[in-house]
């Protein structure tokens, strides 16, 4: 009996919620504004020579650091 009553109550409140009149959307007047974009690019020349290192393998320094092993990591023979 309790389940039947709750089922009927859910259906009743659901249909009552759907039967309400929704307010219609109100259209809003929009205004447009002009935008002016001005970009100035300044170039600066450097007279110094820069050195770039080239590695044979990608991330070689990181891989070297990750493969660091101590004496305690090695297995010992009994």
N, C-alpha and C. Protein backbone atom coordinates (compact mmCIF):
# COMPACT_ATOMS: atom_id res chain seq x y z
N UNK A 1 0.82 -1.18 0.00
CA UNK A 1 0.00 0.00 0.00
C UNK A 1 0.88 1.26 0.00
N UNK A 2 1.95 1.21 0.80
CA UNK A 2 2.83 2.37 0.88
C UNK A 2 3.50 2.64 -0.46
N UNK A 3 3.92 1.59 -1.17
CA UNK A 3 4.58 1.77 -2.46
C UNK A 3 3.62 2.33 -3.50
N UNK A 4 2.38 1.89 -3.45
CA UNK A 4 1.38 2.39 -4.40
C UNK A 4 1.13 3.87 -4.15
N UNK A 5 1.02 4.26 -2.86
CA UNK A 5 0.80 5.67 -2.54
C UNK A 5 1.97 6.54 -2.98
N UNK A 6 3.20 6.10 -2.75
CA UNK A 6 4.36 6.90 -3.16
C UNK A 6 4.45 6.99 -4.67
N UNK A 7 4.12 5.90 -5.36
CA UNK A 7 4.15 5.92 -6.82
C UNK A 7 3.13 6.92 -7.37
N UNK A 8 1.92 6.93 -6.80
CA UNK A 8 0.88 7.87 -7.23
C UNK A 8 1.29 9.30 -6.89
N UNK A 9 1.92 9.51 -5.73
CA UNK A 9 2.34 10.85 -5.33
C UNK A 9 3.42 11.38 -6.28
N UNK A 10 4.36 10.52 -6.66
CA UNK A 10 5.43 10.94 -7.59
C UNK A 10 4.83 11.33 -8.93
N UNK A 11 3.90 10.52 -9.43
CA UNK A 11 3.26 10.83 -10.72
C UNK A 11 2.47 12.14 -10.62
N UNK A 12 1.74 12.34 -9.50
CA UNK A 12 0.96 13.56 -9.33
C UNK A 12 1.84 14.80 -9.30
N UNK A 13 2.90 14.78 -8.49
CA UNK A 13 3.77 15.95 -8.40
C UNK A 13 4.55 16.18 -9.70
N UNK A 14 4.87 15.12 -10.40
CA UNK A 14 5.56 15.27 -11.69
C UNK A 14 4.69 15.93 -12.73
N UNK A 15 3.43 15.51 -12.81
CA UNK A 15 2.52 16.12 -13.79
C UNK A 15 2.16 17.55 -13.38
N UNK A 16 2.06 17.82 -12.08
CA UNK A 16 1.78 19.18 -11.63
C UNK A 16 2.94 20.11 -11.96
N UNK A 17 4.16 19.62 -11.86
CA UNK A 17 5.33 20.45 -12.18
C UNK A 17 5.41 20.71 -13.68
N UNK A 18 5.02 19.73 -14.49
CA UNK A 18 5.08 19.91 -15.94
C UNK A 18 3.94 20.80 -16.43
N UNK A 19 2.82 20.88 -15.70
CA UNK A 19 1.66 21.64 -16.16
C UNK A 19 1.79 23.13 -15.92
N UNK A 20 2.81 23.55 -15.17
CA UNK A 20 2.96 24.98 -14.90
C UNK A 20 3.36 25.70 -16.16
N UNK A 21 2.88 26.93 -16.30
CA UNK A 21 3.21 27.74 -17.46
C UNK A 21 4.60 28.33 -17.28
N UNK A 22 5.44 28.12 -18.25
CA UNK A 22 6.77 28.70 -18.22
C UNK A 22 6.69 30.12 -18.76
N UNK A 23 7.51 30.99 -18.21
CA UNK A 23 7.56 32.35 -18.75
C UNK A 23 8.35 32.31 -20.04
N UNK A 24 7.89 33.07 -20.99
CA UNK A 24 8.56 33.10 -22.28
C UNK A 24 9.84 33.90 -22.17
N UNK A 25 10.78 33.60 -23.02
CA UNK A 25 12.06 34.29 -23.01
C UNK A 25 11.89 35.73 -23.46
N UNK A 26 12.53 36.63 -22.76
CA UNK A 26 12.47 38.04 -23.09
C UNK A 26 13.69 38.38 -23.94
N UNK A 27 13.44 38.99 -25.09
CA UNK A 27 14.54 39.35 -25.95
C UNK A 27 15.16 40.66 -25.47
N UNK A 28 16.47 40.69 -25.47
CA UNK A 28 17.21 41.85 -24.99
C UNK A 28 17.86 42.54 -26.16
N UNK A 29 17.77 43.87 -26.19
CA UNK A 29 18.44 44.63 -27.25
C UNK A 29 19.93 44.69 -26.95
N UNK A 30 20.72 44.37 -27.94
CA UNK A 30 22.17 44.39 -27.77
C UNK A 30 22.75 45.59 -28.51
N UNK A 31 23.85 46.06 -28.00
CA UNK A 31 24.54 47.16 -28.65
C UNK A 31 25.89 46.67 -29.14
N UNK A 32 26.34 47.20 -30.24
CA UNK A 32 27.63 46.83 -30.77
C UNK A 32 28.59 47.99 -30.61
N UNK A 33 29.83 47.65 -30.29
CA UNK A 33 30.85 48.68 -30.13
C UNK A 33 32.03 48.32 -31.02
N UNK A 34 32.58 49.31 -31.69
CA UNK A 34 33.72 49.08 -32.55
C UNK A 34 35.01 48.92 -31.74
N UNK A 35 35.88 48.02 -32.18
CA UNK A 35 37.13 47.78 -31.49
C UNK A 35 38.27 48.03 -32.46
N UNK A 36 39.23 48.80 -32.03
CA UNK A 36 40.38 49.08 -32.87
C UNK A 36 41.59 48.37 -32.30
N UNK A 37 42.26 47.60 -33.13
CA UNK A 37 43.41 46.82 -32.69
C UNK A 37 44.66 47.36 -33.35
N UNK A 38 45.60 47.79 -32.53
CA UNK A 38 46.87 48.28 -33.07
C UNK A 38 47.99 47.58 -32.32
N UNK A 39 48.85 46.91 -33.07
CA UNK A 39 49.95 46.16 -32.49
C UNK A 39 51.26 46.69 -33.06
N UNK A 40 52.18 47.01 -32.16
CA UNK A 40 53.50 47.45 -32.59
C UNK A 40 54.51 46.41 -32.13
N UNK A 41 55.32 45.95 -33.06
CA UNK A 41 56.32 44.94 -32.75
C UNK A 41 57.69 45.59 -32.77
N UNK A 42 58.38 45.47 -31.64
CA UNK A 42 59.71 46.04 -31.53
C UNK A 42 60.73 44.91 -31.61
N UNK A 43 61.71 45.08 -32.46
CA UNK A 43 62.76 44.07 -32.60
C UNK A 43 64.04 44.59 -31.98
N UNK A 44 64.69 43.71 -31.22
CA UNK A 44 65.94 44.07 -30.57
C UNK A 44 67.00 43.09 -31.05
N UNK A 45 68.10 43.60 -31.55
CA UNK A 45 69.17 42.73 -32.04
C UNK A 45 70.17 42.47 -30.92
N UNK A 46 70.58 41.20 -30.81
CA UNK A 46 71.58 40.82 -29.83
C UNK A 46 72.88 40.53 -30.58
N UNK A 47 73.95 41.05 -30.07
CA UNK A 47 75.25 40.81 -30.71
C UNK A 47 75.98 39.62 -30.10
N UNK A 48 75.50 39.09 -29.00
CA UNK A 48 76.17 37.97 -28.34
C UNK A 48 75.85 36.66 -29.04
N UNK A 49 76.79 35.73 -28.98
CA UNK A 49 76.60 34.41 -29.58
C UNK A 49 76.08 33.45 -28.52
N UNK A 50 75.02 32.72 -28.81
CA UNK A 50 74.48 31.75 -27.88
C UNK A 50 74.84 30.35 -28.34
N UNK A 51 75.04 29.49 -27.37
CA UNK A 51 75.42 28.11 -27.68
C UNK A 51 74.27 27.20 -27.30
N UNK A 52 73.88 26.35 -28.22
CA UNK A 52 72.83 25.38 -27.95
C UNK A 52 73.44 24.00 -27.97
N UNK A 53 73.08 23.19 -26.98
CA UNK A 53 73.61 21.84 -26.92
C UNK A 53 72.68 20.88 -27.63
N UNK A 54 73.24 20.00 -28.37
CA UNK A 54 72.46 18.99 -29.06
C UNK A 54 72.78 17.64 -28.46
N UNK A 55 71.74 16.93 -28.08
CA UNK A 55 71.92 15.60 -27.52
C UNK A 55 71.50 14.57 -28.56
N UNK A 56 72.18 13.45 -28.50
CA UNK A 56 71.88 12.38 -29.45
C UNK A 56 70.51 11.77 -29.15
N UNK A 57 70.21 11.64 -27.87
CA UNK A 57 68.96 11.02 -27.46
C UNK A 57 68.10 12.03 -26.72
N UNK A 58 66.82 11.92 -26.90
CA UNK A 58 65.89 12.82 -26.25
C UNK A 58 65.89 12.56 -24.74
N UNK A 59 65.92 13.61 -23.96
CA UNK A 59 65.90 13.54 -22.50
C UNK A 59 67.07 12.72 -21.94
N UNK A 60 68.24 12.83 -22.52
CA UNK A 60 69.37 12.01 -22.08
C UNK A 60 69.80 12.38 -20.67
N UNK A 61 69.73 13.62 -20.28
CA UNK A 61 70.13 14.02 -18.93
C UNK A 61 69.16 13.48 -17.89
N UNK A 62 67.89 13.52 -18.21
CA UNK A 62 66.88 13.02 -17.28
C UNK A 62 67.02 11.52 -17.11
N UNK A 63 67.24 10.81 -18.19
CA UNK A 63 67.39 9.36 -18.11
C UNK A 63 68.63 8.98 -17.32
N UNK A 64 69.68 9.77 -17.46
CA UNK A 64 70.90 9.49 -16.71
C UNK A 64 70.65 9.66 -15.21
N UNK A 65 69.92 10.69 -14.84
CA UNK A 65 69.63 10.92 -13.43
C UNK A 65 68.69 9.86 -12.87
N UNK A 66 67.78 9.38 -13.67
CA UNK A 66 66.84 8.38 -13.19
C UNK A 66 67.48 7.00 -13.02
N UNK A 67 68.57 6.74 -13.72
CA UNK A 67 69.24 5.44 -13.61
C UNK A 67 70.33 5.45 -12.55
N UNK A 68 70.34 6.44 -11.68
CA UNK A 68 71.34 6.52 -10.62
C UNK A 68 71.16 5.36 -9.66
N UNK A 69 72.26 4.67 -9.34
CA UNK A 69 72.22 3.52 -8.43
C UNK A 69 73.29 3.69 -7.37
N UNK A 70 72.98 3.26 -6.19
CA UNK A 70 73.96 3.29 -5.09
C UNK A 70 74.48 1.89 -4.85
N UNK A 71 75.45 1.78 -3.96
CA UNK A 71 76.00 0.46 -3.63
C UNK A 71 74.97 -0.40 -2.92
N UNK A 72 74.06 0.22 -2.19
CA UNK A 72 73.04 -0.55 -1.46
C UNK A 72 72.00 -1.15 -2.39
N UNK A 73 71.90 -0.67 -3.61
CA UNK A 73 70.93 -1.22 -4.57
C UNK A 73 71.39 -2.55 -5.15
N UNK A 74 72.69 -2.79 -5.16
CA UNK A 74 73.18 -4.01 -5.80
C UNK A 74 72.98 -5.21 -4.88
N UNK A 75 72.77 -6.35 -5.49
CA UNK A 75 72.57 -7.59 -4.72
C UNK A 75 73.90 -8.13 -4.24
N UNK A 76 73.88 -8.80 -3.11
CA UNK A 76 75.11 -9.33 -2.53
C UNK A 76 75.04 -10.84 -2.52
N UNK A 77 76.19 -11.45 -2.74
CA UNK A 77 76.29 -12.91 -2.68
C UNK A 77 76.62 -13.32 -1.24
N UNK A 78 75.97 -14.38 -0.79
CA UNK A 78 76.21 -14.85 0.57
C UNK A 78 77.28 -15.92 0.59
